[in-house]
C-alpha cells in the first residue's frame, strides 16, 4: 500500500494511511502495530480516530525516521510503501515508481512450442 508522510512546516507530524488502506490492511481489533524502519522495529499505537476520521499514525520515533528520509524533498509529503509482513506488522520504505509503459523485449522468433528459431 502507498502511504504519505504528513508535514506541518518543516516538521513531520505522522504518516497518513488513508481510509481505504485502513479497511483493507488493518485488523479492527488492533490497538497497535509493528513497523520496521530499516533496521529498527517500533510499536505504534493506533488512536480510536484511526478507524473513523483520522487514518493516521503518530509516533515520535516514526516522525524522526521520516524526517531523516525526507530531508531532500523539502515540505512536500513523501509517498512510501507500507508492506504487510505479518499479523499487525509492516515494513515501511520508499515507494517504487512503476514504469509508465510496459517494457517490451525482443525475444526473437519462436515456433509454436516457444523454441527459438533464430
PDB file of N, CA and C in Angstrom:
ATOM      1  N   UNK A   1       0.844  -1.170   0.000  1.00  0.00           N
ATOM      2  CA  UNK A   1       0.000   0.000   0.000  1.00  0.00           C
ATOM      3  C   UNK A   1       0.888   1.230   0.000  1.00  0.00           C
ATOM      4  N   UNK A   2       0.401   2.296  -0.594  1.00  0.00           N
ATOM      5  CA  UNK A   2       1.139   3.548  -0.615  1.00  0.00           C
ATOM      6  C   UNK A   2       0.540   4.472   0.443  1.00  0.00           C
ATOM      7  N   UNK A   3       1.401   5.011   1.288  1.00  0.00           N
ATOM      8  CA  UNK A   3       1.027   5.960   2.332  1.00  0.00           C
ATOM      9  C   UNK A   3       1.886   7.209   2.127  1.00  0.00           C
ATOM     10  N   UNK A   4       1.579   8.284   2.846  1.00  0.00           N
ATOM     11  CA  UNK A   4       2.375   9.504   2.705  1.00  0.00           C
ATOM     12  C   UNK A   4       2.724  10.080   4.066  1.00  0.00           C
ATOM     13  N   UNK A   5       3.857  10.747   4.108  1.00  0.00           N
ATOM     14  CA  UNK A   5       4.226  11.456   5.325  1.00  0.00           C
ATOM     15  C   UNK A   5       3.329  12.681   5.455  1.00  0.00           C
ATOM     16  N   UNK A   6       3.122  13.119   6.693  1.00  0.00           N
ATOM     17  CA  UNK A   6       2.352  14.332   6.956  1.00  0.00           C
ATOM     18  C   UNK A   6       3.305  15.390   7.485  1.00  0.00           C
ATOM     19  N   UNK A   7       3.167  16.603   6.984  1.00  0.00           N
ATOM     20  CA  UNK A   7       4.080  17.671   7.380  1.00  0.00           C
ATOM     21  C   UNK A   7       3.311  18.882   7.877  1.00  0.00           C
ATOM     22  N   UNK A   8       3.957  19.583   8.812  1.00  0.00           N
ATOM     23  CA  UNK A   8       3.469  20.869   9.293  1.00  0.00           C
ATOM     24  C   UNK A   8       4.689  21.779   9.273  1.00  0.00           C
ATOM     25  N   UNK A   9       4.814  22.579   8.225  1.00  0.00           N
ATOM     26  CA  UNK A   9       6.038  23.351   8.046  1.00  0.00           C
ATOM     27  C   UNK A   9       7.171  22.409   7.692  1.00  0.00           C
ATOM     28  N   UNK A  10       8.270  22.503   8.420  1.00  0.00           N
ATOM     29  CA  UNK A  10       9.414  21.622   8.182  1.00  0.00           C
ATOM     30  C   UNK A  10       9.362  20.373   9.051  1.00  0.00           C
ATOM     31  N   UNK A  11       8.390  20.261   9.923  1.00  0.00           N
ATOM     32  CA  UNK A  11       8.281  19.112  10.835  1.00  0.00           C
ATOM     33  C   UNK A  11       7.368  18.046  10.245  1.00  0.00           C
ATOM     34  N   UNK A  12       7.786  16.813  10.372  1.00  0.00           N
ATOM     35  CA  UNK A  12       6.934  15.686  10.004  1.00  0.00           C
ATOM     36  C   UNK A  12       6.110  15.338  11.227  1.00  0.00           C
ATOM     37  N   UNK A  13       4.796  15.250  11.032  1.00  0.00           N
ATOM     38  CA  UNK A  13       3.897  15.015  12.169  1.00  0.00           C
ATOM     39  C   UNK A  13       3.321  13.610  12.218  1.00  0.00           C
ATOM     40  N   UNK A  14       3.489  12.849  11.160  1.00  0.00           N
ATOM     41  CA  UNK A  14       2.952  11.495  11.167  1.00  0.00           C
ATOM     42  C   UNK A  14       2.927  10.876   9.793  1.00  0.00           C
ATOM     43  N   UNK A  15       2.143   9.833   9.697  1.00  0.00           N
ATOM     44  CA  UNK A  15       2.021   9.056   8.471  1.00  0.00           C
ATOM     45  C   UNK A  15       0.538   8.956   8.129  1.00  0.00           C
ATOM     46  N   UNK A  16       0.157   9.421   6.946  1.00  0.00           N
ATOM     47  CA  UNK A  16      -1.226   9.333   6.510  1.00  0.00           C
ATOM     48  C   UNK A  16      -1.423   8.009   5.780  1.00  0.00           C
ATOM     49  N   UNK A  17      -2.294   7.175   6.319  1.00  0.00           N
ATOM     50  CA  UNK A  17      -2.526   5.842   5.765  1.00  0.00           C
ATOM     51  C   UNK A  17      -3.691   5.857   4.779  1.00  0.00           C
ATOM     52  N   UNK A  18      -4.746   6.587   5.089  1.00  0.00           N
ATOM     53  CA  UNK A  18      -5.919   6.653   4.224  1.00  0.00           C
ATOM     54  C   UNK A  18      -6.978   5.644   4.621  1.00  0.00           C
ATOM     55  N   UNK A  19      -8.222   6.050   4.499  1.00  0.00           N
ATOM     56  CA  UNK A  19      -9.349   5.227   4.933  1.00  0.00           C
ATOM     57  C   UNK A  19      -9.431   3.895   4.189  1.00  0.00           C
ATOM     58  N   UNK A  20      -9.192   3.904   2.878  1.00  0.00           N
ATOM     59  CA  UNK A  20      -9.264   2.648   2.114  1.00  0.00           C
ATOM     60  C   UNK A  20      -8.211   1.651   2.572  1.00  0.00           C
ATOM     61  N   UNK A  21      -6.998   2.118   2.831  1.00  0.00           N
ATOM     62  CA  UNK A  21      -5.934   1.233   3.308  1.00  0.00           C
ATOM     63  C   UNK A  21      -6.254   0.703   4.703  1.00  0.00           C
ATOM     64  N   UNK A  22      -6.832   1.538   5.554  1.00  0.00           N
ATOM     65  CA  UNK A  22      -7.199   1.089   6.903  1.00  0.00           C
ATOM     66  C   UNK A  22      -8.178  -0.077   6.805  1.00  0.00           C
ATOM     67  N   UNK A  23      -9.212   0.071   5.987  1.00  0.00           N
ATOM     68  CA  UNK A  23     -10.212  -1.004   5.854  1.00  0.00           C
ATOM     69  C   UNK A  23      -9.610  -2.274   5.263  1.00  0.00           C
ATOM     70  N   UNK A  24      -8.675  -2.107   4.342  1.00  0.00           N
ATOM     71  CA  UNK A  24      -8.144  -3.263   3.623  1.00  0.00           C
ATOM     72  C   UNK A  24      -7.034  -4.004   4.365  1.00  0.00           C
ATOM     73  N   UNK A  25      -6.148  -3.285   5.072  1.00  0.00           N
ATOM     74  CA  UNK A  25      -4.930  -3.897   5.601  1.00  0.00           C
ATOM     75  C   UNK A  25      -4.827  -3.988   7.117  1.00  0.00           C
ATOM     76  N   UNK A  26      -5.764  -3.409   7.859  1.00  0.00           N
ATOM     77  CA  UNK A  26      -5.642  -3.364   9.313  1.00  0.00           C
ATOM     78  C   UNK A  26      -6.796  -4.074   9.989  1.00  0.00           C
ATOM     79  N   UNK A  27      -6.476  -4.832  11.020  1.00  0.00           N
ATOM     80  CA  UNK A  27      -7.491  -5.516  11.815  1.00  0.00           C
ATOM     81  C   UNK A  27      -8.118  -4.513  12.776  1.00  0.00           C
ATOM     82  N   UNK A  28      -9.449  -4.496  12.839  1.00  0.00           N
ATOM     83  CA  UNK A  28     -10.135  -3.574  13.753  1.00  0.00           C
ATOM     84  C   UNK A  28      -9.835  -3.890  15.214  1.00  0.00           C
ATOM     85  N   UNK A  29      -9.351  -5.071  15.490  1.00  0.00           N
ATOM     86  CA  UNK A  29      -9.010  -5.437  16.869  1.00  0.00           C
ATOM     87  C   UNK A  29      -7.642  -4.906  17.293  1.00  0.00           C
ATOM     88  N   UNK A  30      -6.865  -4.444  16.344  1.00  0.00           N
ATOM     89  CA  UNK A  30      -5.503  -3.986  16.649  1.00  0.00           C
ATOM     90  C   UNK A  30      -5.536  -2.637  17.368  1.00  0.00           C
ATOM     91  N   UNK A  31      -4.802  -2.541  18.445  1.00  0.00           N
ATOM     92  CA  UNK A  31      -4.645  -1.261  19.143  1.00  0.00           C
ATOM     93  C   UNK A  31      -3.249  -0.694  18.891  1.00  0.00           C
ATOM     94  N   UNK A  32      -2.368  -1.535  18.366  1.00  0.00           N
ATOM     95  CA  UNK A  32      -1.028  -1.094  17.996  1.00  0.00           C
ATOM     96  C   UNK A  32      -0.521  -1.980  16.873  1.00  0.00           C
ATOM     97  N   UNK A  33       0.478  -1.474  16.167  1.00  0.00           N
ATOM     98  CA  UNK A  33       1.092  -2.229  15.077  1.00  0.00           C
ATOM     99  C   UNK A  33       2.604  -2.139  15.214  1.00  0.00           C
ATOM    100  N   UNK A  34       3.290  -3.060  14.574  1.00  0.00           N
ATOM    101  CA  UNK A  34       4.748  -3.016  14.485  1.00  0.00           C
ATOM    102  C   UNK A  34       5.119  -2.467  13.114  1.00  0.00           C
ATOM    103  N   UNK A  35       6.109  -1.581  13.102  1.00  0.00           N
ATOM    104  CA  UNK A  35       6.614  -1.048  11.838  1.00  0.00           C
ATOM    105  C   UNK A  35       8.126  -1.209  11.828  1.00  0.00           C
ATOM    106  N   UNK A  36       8.632  -1.839  10.772  1.00  0.00           N
ATOM    107  CA  UNK A  36      10.082  -1.965  10.588  1.00  0.00           C
ATOM    108  C   UNK A  36      10.549  -0.786   9.753  1.00  0.00           C
ATOM    109  N   UNK A  37      11.484  -0.029  10.331  1.00  0.00           N
ATOM    110  CA  UNK A  37      12.085   1.139   9.684  1.00  0.00           C
ATOM    111  C   UNK A  37      13.570   0.841   9.512  1.00  0.00           C
ATOM    112  N   UNK A  38      13.957   0.425   8.333  1.00  0.00           N
ATOM    113  CA  UNK A  38      15.334  -0.022   8.104  1.00  0.00           C
ATOM    114  C   UNK A  38      15.652  -1.143   9.096  1.00  0.00           C
ATOM    115  N   UNK A  39      16.586  -0.931  10.019  1.00  0.00           N
ATOM    116  CA  UNK A  39      16.969  -1.971  10.986  1.00  0.00           C
ATOM    117  C   UNK A  39      16.215  -1.853  12.314  1.00  0.00           C
ATOM    118  N   UNK A  40      15.341  -0.866  12.436  1.00  0.00           N
ATOM    119  CA  UNK A  40      14.633  -0.595  13.687  1.00  0.00           C
ATOM    120  C   UNK A  40      13.203  -1.122  13.626  1.00  0.00           C
ATOM    121  N   UNK A  41      12.759  -1.770  14.689  1.00  0.00           N
ATOM    122  CA  UNK A  41      11.378  -2.241  14.788  1.00  0.00           C
ATOM    123  C   UNK A  41      10.714  -1.470  15.920  1.00  0.00           C
ATOM    124  N   UNK A  42       9.628  -0.743  15.600  1.00  0.00           N
ATOM    125  CA  UNK A  42       8.920   0.027  16.620  1.00  0.00           C
ATOM    126  C   UNK A  42       7.467  -0.416  16.700  1.00  0.00           C
ATOM    127  N   UNK A  43       6.851  -0.188  17.845  1.00  0.00           N
ATOM    128  CA  UNK A  43       5.418  -0.411  18.018  1.00  0.00           C
ATOM    129  C   UNK A  43       4.748   0.943  18.094  1.00  0.00           C
ATOM    130  N   UNK A  44       3.710   1.116  17.297  1.00  0.00           N
ATOM    131  CA  UNK A  44       2.974   2.376  17.258  1.00  0.00           C
ATOM    132  C   UNK A  44       1.530   2.111  17.662  1.00  0.00           C
ATOM    133  N   UNK A  45       1.023   2.916  18.568  1.00  0.00           N
ATOM    134  CA  UNK A  45      -0.376   2.808  18.965  1.00  0.00           C
ATOM    135  C   UNK A  45      -1.283   3.393  17.896  1.00  0.00           C
ATOM    136  N   UNK A  46      -2.481   2.831  17.805  1.00  0.00           N
ATOM    137  CA  UNK A  46      -3.485   3.332  16.869  1.00  0.00           C
ATOM    138  C   UNK A  46      -4.577   4.021  17.681  1.00  0.00           C
ATOM    139  N   UNK A  47      -4.811   5.277  17.393  1.00  0.00           N
ATOM    140  CA  UNK A  47      -5.825   6.028  18.127  1.00  0.00           C
ATOM    141  C   UNK A  47      -7.223   5.589  17.672  1.00  0.00           C
ATOM    142  N   UNK A  48      -8.255   5.822  18.490  1.00  0.00           N
ATOM    143  CA  UNK A  48      -9.625   5.481  18.066  1.00  0.00           C
ATOM    144  C   UNK A  48     -10.006   6.173  16.754  1.00  0.00           C
ATOM    145  N   UNK A  49      -9.490   7.369  16.521  1.00  0.00           N
ATOM    146  CA  UNK A  49      -9.796   8.078  15.284  1.00  0.00           C
ATOM    147  C   UNK A  49      -9.221   7.417  14.046  1.00  0.00           C
ATOM    148  N   UNK A  50      -8.234   6.554  14.219  1.00  0.00           N
ATOM    149  CA  UNK A  50      -7.625   5.840  13.099  1.00  0.00           C
ATOM    150  C   UNK A  50      -8.686   5.080  12.310  1.00  0.00           C
ATOM    151  N   UNK A  51      -9.689   4.566  13.003  1.00  0.00           N
ATOM    152  CA  UNK A  51     -10.721   3.751  12.370  1.00  0.00           C
ATOM    153  C   UNK A  51     -11.864   4.584  11.809  1.00  0.00           C
ATOM    154  N   UNK A  52     -11.884   5.875  12.093  1.00  0.00           N
ATOM    155  CA  UNK A  52     -13.013   6.698  11.670  1.00  0.00           C
ATOM    156  C   UNK A  52     -12.576   7.837  10.755  1.00  0.00           C
ATOM    157  N   UNK A  53     -12.189   8.950  11.327  1.00  0.00           N
ATOM    158  CA  UNK A  53     -11.923  10.141  10.535  1.00  0.00           C
ATOM    159  C   UNK A  53     -10.466  10.565  10.489  1.00  0.00           C
ATOM    160  N   UNK A  54      -9.574   9.851  11.168  1.00  0.00           N
ATOM    161  CA  UNK A  54      -8.147  10.207  11.206  1.00  0.00           C
ATOM    162  C   UNK A  54      -7.276   8.975  10.913  1.00  0.00           C
ATOM    163  N   UNK A  55      -7.239   8.526   9.654  1.00  0.00           N
ATOM    164  CA  UNK A  55      -6.430   7.343   9.311  1.00  0.00           C
ATOM    165  C   UNK A  55      -4.943   7.674   9.259  1.00  0.00           C
ATOM    166  N   UNK A  56      -4.402   8.016  10.438  1.00  0.00           N
ATOM    167  CA  UNK A  56      -3.031   8.485  10.553  1.00  0.00           C
ATOM    168  C   UNK A  56      -2.328   7.764  11.688  1.00  0.00           C
ATOM    169  N   UNK A  57      -1.004   7.673  11.575  1.00  0.00           N
ATOM    170  CA  UNK A  57      -0.182   7.085  12.639  1.00  0.00           C
ATOM    171  C   UNK A  57       0.776   8.159  13.117  1.00  0.00           C
ATOM    172  N   UNK A  58       0.780   8.387  14.432  1.00  0.00           N
ATOM    173  CA  UNK A  58       1.663   9.388  15.038  1.00  0.00           C
ATOM    174  C   UNK A  58       2.542   8.706  16.077  1.00  0.00           C
ATOM    175  N   UNK A  59       3.838   8.847  15.935  1.00  0.00           N
ATOM    176  CA  UNK A  59       4.803   8.292  16.880  1.00  0.00           C
ATOM    177  C   UNK A  59       6.078   9.107  16.734  1.00  0.00           C
ATOM    178  N   UNK A  60       6.673   9.556  17.845  1.00  0.00           N
ATOM    179  CA  UNK A  60       7.883  10.394  17.746  1.00  0.00           C
ATOM    180  C   UNK A  60       9.035   9.713  17.005  1.00  0.00           C
ATOM    181  N   UNK A  61       9.227   8.403  17.220  1.00  0.00           N
ATOM    182  CA  UNK A  61      10.322   7.692  16.537  1.00  0.00           C
ATOM    183  C   UNK A  61      10.064   7.613  15.043  1.00  0.00           C
ATOM    184  N   UNK A  62       8.819   7.364  14.685  1.00  0.00           N
ATOM    185  CA  UNK A  62       8.429   7.314  13.280  1.00  0.00           C
ATOM    186  C   UNK A  62       8.671   8.672  12.625  1.00  0.00           C
ATOM    187  N   UNK A  63       8.287   9.751  13.309  1.00  0.00           N
ATOM    188  CA  UNK A  63       8.474  11.097  12.760  1.00  0.00           C
ATOM    189  C   UNK A  63       9.948  11.426  12.542  1.00  0.00           C
ATOM    190  N   UNK A  64      10.799  11.053  13.477  1.00  0.00           N
ATOM    191  CA  UNK A  64      12.236  11.295  13.315  1.00  0.00           C
ATOM    192  C   UNK A  64      12.788  10.529  12.113  1.00  0.00           C
ATOM    193  N   UNK A  65      12.365   9.290  11.964  1.00  0.00           N
ATOM    194  CA  UNK A  65      12.816   8.480  10.836  1.00  0.00           C
ATOM    195  C   UNK A  65      12.332   9.094   9.525  1.00  0.00           C
ATOM    196  N   UNK A  66      11.053   9.508   9.493  1.00  0.00           N
ATOM    197  CA  UNK A  66      10.504  10.129   8.289  1.00  0.00           C
ATOM    198  C   UNK A  66      11.249  11.419   7.945  1.00  0.00           C
ATOM    199  N   UNK A  67      11.548  12.230   8.961  1.00  0.00           N
ATOM    200  CA  UNK A  67      12.295  13.465   8.716  1.00  0.00           C
ATOM    201  C   UNK A  67      13.671  13.171   8.116  1.00  0.00           C
ATOM    202  N   UNK A  68      14.324  12.141   8.593  1.00  0.00           N
ATOM    203  CA  UNK A  68      15.647  11.804   8.054  1.00  0.00           C
ATOM    204  C   UNK A  68      15.558  11.367   6.596  1.00  0.00           C
ATOM    205  N   UNK A  69      14.472  10.747   6.208  1.00  0.00           N
ATOM    206  CA  UNK A  69      14.295  10.289   4.826  1.00  0.00           C
ATOM    207  C   UNK A  69      13.802  11.406   3.918  1.00  0.00           C
ATOM    208  N   UNK A  70      13.199  12.432   4.509  1.00  0.00           N
ATOM    209  CA  UNK A  70      12.528  13.460   3.731  1.00  0.00           C
ATOM    210  C   UNK A  70      13.372  14.715   3.532  1.00  0.00           C
ATOM    211  N   UNK A  71      14.560  14.753   4.058  1.00  0.00           N
ATOM    212  CA  UNK A  71      15.381  15.971   4.003  1.00  0.00           C
ATOM    213  C   UNK A  71      15.513  16.543   2.601  1.00  0.00           C
ATOM    214  N   UNK A  72      15.668  15.700   1.620  1.00  0.00           N
ATOM    215  CA  UNK A  72      15.905  16.188   0.256  1.00  0.00           C
ATOM    216  C   UNK A  72      14.629  16.630  -0.453  1.00  0.00           C
ATOM    217  N   UNK A  73      13.467  16.256   0.051  1.00  0.00           N
ATOM    218  CA  UNK A  73      12.228  16.576  -0.662  1.00  0.00           C
ATOM    219  C   UNK A  73      11.572  17.861  -0.179  1.00  0.00           C
ATOM    220  N   UNK A  74      12.101  18.480   0.853  1.00  0.00           N
ATOM    221  CA  UNK A  74      11.519  19.726   1.345  1.00  0.00           C
ATOM    222  C   UNK A  74      10.245  19.488   2.128  1.00  0.00           C
ATOM    223  N   UNK A  75       9.234  20.328   1.870  1.00  0.00           N
ATOM    224  CA  UNK A  75       7.990  20.286   2.638  1.00  0.00           C
ATOM    225  C   UNK A  75       6.954  19.316   2.075  1.00  0.00           C
ATOM    226  N   UNK A  76       7.134  18.876   0.854  1.00  0.00           N
ATOM    227  CA  UNK A  76       6.122  18.038   0.206  1.00  0.00           C
ATOM    228  C   UNK A  76       6.012  16.678   0.887  1.00  0.00           C
ATOM    229  N   UNK A  77       4.784  16.172   1.034  1.00  0.00           N
ATOM    230  CA  UNK A  77       4.626  14.821   1.571  1.00  0.00           C
ATOM    231  C   UNK A  77       5.328  13.807   0.672  1.00  0.00           C
ATOM    232  N   UNK A  78       5.916  12.812   1.288  1.00  0.00           N
ATOM    233  CA  UNK A  78       6.669  11.795   0.557  1.00  0.00           C
ATOM    234  C   UNK A  78       5.846  10.508   0.495  1.00  0.00           C
ATOM    235  N   UNK A  79       5.637   9.944  -0.707  1.00  0.00           N
ATOM    236  CA  UNK A  79       4.957   8.650  -0.787  1.00  0.00           C
ATOM    237  C   UNK A  79       5.895   7.547  -0.319  1.00  0.00           C
ATOM    238  N   UNK A  80       5.332   6.611   0.436  1.00  0.00           N
ATOM    239  CA  UNK A  80       6.100   5.493   0.980  1.00  0.00           C
ATOM    240  C   UNK A  80       5.321   4.208   0.776  1.00  0.00           C
ATOM    241  N   UNK A  81       6.046   3.108   0.710  1.00  0.00           N
ATOM    242  CA  UNK A  81       5.423   1.791   0.627  1.00  0.00           C
ATOM    243  C   UNK A  81       5.341   1.216   2.036  1.00  0.00           C
ATOM    244  N   UNK A  82       4.154   0.782   2.414  1.00  0.00           N
ATOM    245  CA  UNK A  82       3.940   0.126   3.704  1.00  0.00           C
ATOM    246  C   UNK A  82       3.475  -1.289   3.388  1.00  0.00           C
ATOM    247  N   UNK A  83       4.381  -2.229   3.589  1.00  0.00           N
ATOM    248  CA  UNK A  83       4.156  -3.603   3.144  1.00  0.00           C
ATOM    249  C   UNK A  83       3.806  -4.488   4.337  1.00  0.00           C
ATOM    250  N   UNK A  84       2.633  -5.147   4.292  1.00  0.00           N
ATOM    251  CA  UNK A  84       2.294  -6.076   5.375  1.00  0.00           C
ATOM    252  C   UNK A  84       3.339  -7.182   5.471  1.00  0.00           C
ATOM    253  N   UNK A  85       3.759  -7.488   6.714  1.00  0.00           N
ATOM    254  CA  UNK A  85       4.788  -8.514   6.910  1.00  0.00           C
ATOM    255  C   UNK A  85       4.433  -9.467   8.037  1.00  0.00           C
ATOM    256  N   UNK A  86       3.182  -9.601   8.311  1.00  0.00           N
ATOM    257  CA  UNK A  86       2.739 -10.479   9.384  1.00  0.00           C
ATOM    258  C   UNK A  86       1.501  -9.901  10.047  1.00  0.00           C
ATOM    259  N   UNK A  87       1.130 -10.497  11.169  1.00  0.00           N
ATOM    260  CA  UNK A  87      -0.054 -10.051  11.893  1.00  0.00           C
ATOM    261  C   UNK A  87       0.215  -8.694  12.546  1.00  0.00           C
ATOM    262  N   UNK A  88      -0.466  -7.644  12.068  1.00  0.00           N
ATOM    263  CA  UNK A  88      -0.304  -6.276  12.585  1.00  0.00           C
ATOM    264  C   UNK A  88       1.150  -5.803  12.505  1.00  0.00           C
ATOM    265  N   UNK A  89       1.848  -6.212  11.453  1.00  0.00           N
ATOM    266  CA  UNK A  89       3.255  -5.869  11.277  1.00  0.00           C
ATOM    267  C   UNK A  89       3.468  -5.404   9.836  1.00  0.00           C
ATOM    268  N   UNK A  90       4.284  -4.350   9.679  1.00  0.00           N
ATOM    269  CA  UNK A  90       4.510  -3.749   8.372  1.00  0.00           C
ATOM    270  C   UNK A  90       5.967  -3.343   8.217  1.00  0.00           C
ATOM    271  N   UNK A  91       6.411  -3.243   6.969  1.00  0.00           N
ATOM    272  CA  UNK A  91       7.727  -2.721   6.636  1.00  0.00           C
ATOM    273  C   UNK A  91       7.493  -1.418   5.891  1.00  0.00           C
ATOM    274  N   UNK A  92       8.147  -0.354   6.343  1.00  0.00           N
ATOM    275  CA  UNK A  92       7.981   0.957   5.716  1.00  0.00           C
ATOM    276  C   UNK A  92       9.247   1.305   4.963  1.00  0.00           C
ATOM    277  N   UNK A  93       9.104   1.723   3.725  1.00  0.00           N
ATOM    278  CA  UNK A  93      10.263   2.082   2.917  1.00  0.00           C
ATOM    279  C   UNK A  93       9.856   2.952   1.758  1.00  0.00           C
ATOM    280  N   UNK A  94      10.794   3.260   0.890  1.00  0.00           N
ATOM    281  CA  UNK A  94      10.492   4.124  -0.250  1.00  0.00           C
ATOM    282  C   UNK A  94       9.512   3.455  -1.198  1.00  0.00           C
ATOM    283  N   UNK A  95       8.623   4.255  -1.761  1.00  0.00           N
ATOM    284  CA  UNK A  95       7.680   3.732  -2.750  1.00  0.00           C
ATOM    285  C   UNK A  95       8.419   3.576  -4.071  1.00  0.00           C
ATOM    286  N   UNK A  96       8.253   2.452  -4.696  1.00  0.00           N
ATOM    287  CA  UNK A  96       8.866   2.208  -6.002  1.00  0.00           C
ATOM    288  C   UNK A  96       7.987   2.828  -7.072  1.00  0.00           C
ATOM    289  N   UNK A  97       8.614   3.529  -7.998  1.00  0.00           N
ATOM    290  CA  UNK A  97       7.862   4.094  -9.111  1.00  0.00           C
ATOM    291  C   UNK A  97       7.691   3.028 -10.171  1.00  0.00           C
ATOM    292  N   UNK A  98       6.451   2.853 -10.586  1.00  0.00           N
ATOM    293  CA  UNK A  98       6.151   1.883 -11.635  1.00  0.00           C
ATOM    294  C   UNK A  98       6.447   2.522 -12.992  1.00  0.00           C
ATOM    295  N   UNK A  99       6.924   1.751 -13.951  1.00  0.00           N
ATOM    296  CA  UNK A  99       7.132   2.318 -15.280  1.00  0.00           C
ATOM    297  C   UNK A  99       5.798   2.757 -15.871  1.00  0.00           C
ATOM    298  N   UNK A 100       5.809   3.841 -16.651  1.00  0.00           N
ATOM    299  CA  UNK A 100       4.574   4.354 -17.222  1.00  0.00           C
ATOM    300  C   UNK A 100       4.087   3.508 -18.394  1.00  0.00           C
ATOM    301  N   UNK A 101       4.971   2.807 -19.054  1.00  0.00           N
ATOM    302  CA  UNK A 101       4.587   1.940 -20.159  1.00  0.00           C
ATOM    303  C   UNK A 101       5.259   0.585 -19.957  1.00  0.00           C
ATOM    304  N   UNK A 102       4.592  -0.480 -20.373  1.00  0.00           N
ATOM    305  CA  UNK A 102       5.222  -1.786 -20.208  1.00  0.00           C
ATOM    306  C   UNK A 102       6.502  -1.878 -21.035  1.00  0.00           C
ATOM    307  N   UNK A 103       7.466  -2.569 -20.501  1.00  0.00           N
ATOM    308  CA  UNK A 103       8.715  -2.772 -21.227  1.00  0.00           C
ATOM    309  C   UNK A 103       8.540  -3.921 -22.205  1.00  0.00           C
ATOM    310  N   UNK A 104       8.993  -3.718 -23.429  1.00  0.00           N
ATOM    311  CA  UNK A 104       8.882  -4.755 -24.445  1.00  0.00           C
ATOM    312  C   UNK A 104      10.269  -5.273 -24.758  1.00  0.00           C
ATOM    313  N   UNK A 105      10.413  -6.554 -24.796  1.00  0.00           N
ATOM    314  CA  UNK A 105      11.696  -7.184 -25.090  1.00  0.00           C
ATOM    315  C   UNK A 105      11.575  -7.939 -26.405  1.00  0.00           C
ATOM    316  N   UNK A 106      12.577  -7.809 -27.226  1.00  0.00           N
ATOM    317  CA  UNK A 106      12.617  -8.568 -28.461  1.00  0.00           C
ATOM    318  C   UNK A 106      13.194  -9.937 -28.126  1.00  0.00           C
ATOM    319  N   UNK A 107      12.348 -10.928 -28.111  1.00  0.00           N
ATOM    320  CA  UNK A 107      12.766 -12.269 -27.734  1.00  0.00           C
ATOM    321  C   UNK A 107      13.174 -13.085 -28.952  1.00  0.00           C
ATOM    322  N   UNK A 108      13.109 -12.495 -30.148  1.00  0.00           N
ATOM    323  CA  UNK A 108      13.431 -13.264 -31.346  1.00  0.00           C
ATOM    324  C   UNK A 108      12.215 -14.070 -31.789  1.00  0.00           C
ATOM    325  N   UNK A 109      12.359 -14.735 -32.886  1.00  0.00           N
ATOM    326  CA  UNK A 109      11.261 -15.545 -33.393  1.00  0.00           C
ATOM    327  C   UNK A 109      11.262 -16.902 -32.716  1.00  0.00           C
ATOM    328  N   UNK A 110      10.082 -17.445 -32.524  1.00  0.00           N
ATOM    329  CA  UNK A 110       9.973 -18.781 -31.945  1.00  0.00           C
ATOM    330  C   UNK A 110       8.902 -19.553 -32.680  1.00  0.00           C
ATOM    331  N   UNK A 111       9.000 -20.875 -32.583  1.00  0.00           N
ATOM    332  CA  UNK A 111       7.990 -21.706 -33.206  1.00  0.00           C
ATOM    333  C   UNK A 111       6.795 -21.840 -32.275  1.00  0.00           C
ATOM    334  N   UNK A 112       5.826 -22.647 -32.649  1.00  0.00           N
ATOM    335  CA  UNK A 112       4.594 -22.778 -31.856  1.00  0.00           C
ATOM    336  C   UNK A 112       4.822 -23.383 -30.476  1.00  0.00           C
ATOM    337  N   UNK A 113       5.956 -24.067 -30.260  1.00  0.00           N
ATOM    338  CA  UNK A 113       6.267 -24.634 -28.940  1.00  0.00           C
ATOM    339  C   UNK A 113       7.109 -23.688 -28.103  1.00  0.00           C
ATOM    340  N   UNK A 114       7.392 -22.464 -28.609  1.00  0.00           N
ATOM    341  CA  UNK A 114       8.160 -21.493 -27.857  1.00  0.00           C
ATOM    342  C   UNK A 114       9.659 -21.635 -27.992  1.00  0.00           C
ATOM    343  N   UNK A 115      10.124 -22.534 -28.882  1.00  0.00           N
ATOM    344  CA  UNK A 115      11.565 -22.702 -29.072  1.00  0.00           C
ATOM    345  C   UNK A 115      12.092 -21.645 -30.021  1.00  0.00           C
ATOM    346  N   UNK A 116      13.276 -21.131 -29.709  1.00  0.00           N
ATOM    347  CA  UNK A 116      13.896 -20.102 -30.539  1.00  0.00           C
ATOM    348  C   UNK A 116      14.282 -20.684 -31.886  1.00  0.00           C
ATOM    349  N   UNK A 117      13.920 -19.993 -32.974  1.00  0.00           N
ATOM    350  CA  UNK A 117      14.217 -20.485 -34.322  1.00  0.00           C
ATOM    351  C   UNK A 117      15.274 -19.648 -35.014  1.00  0.00           C
ATOM    352  N   UNK A 118      15.875 -18.687 -34.318  1.00  0.00           N
ATOM    353  CA  UNK A 118      16.923 -17.843 -34.926  1.00  0.00           C
ATOM    354  C   UNK A 118      18.188 -18.615 -35.116  1.00  0.00           C
TER     355      UNK A 118
END
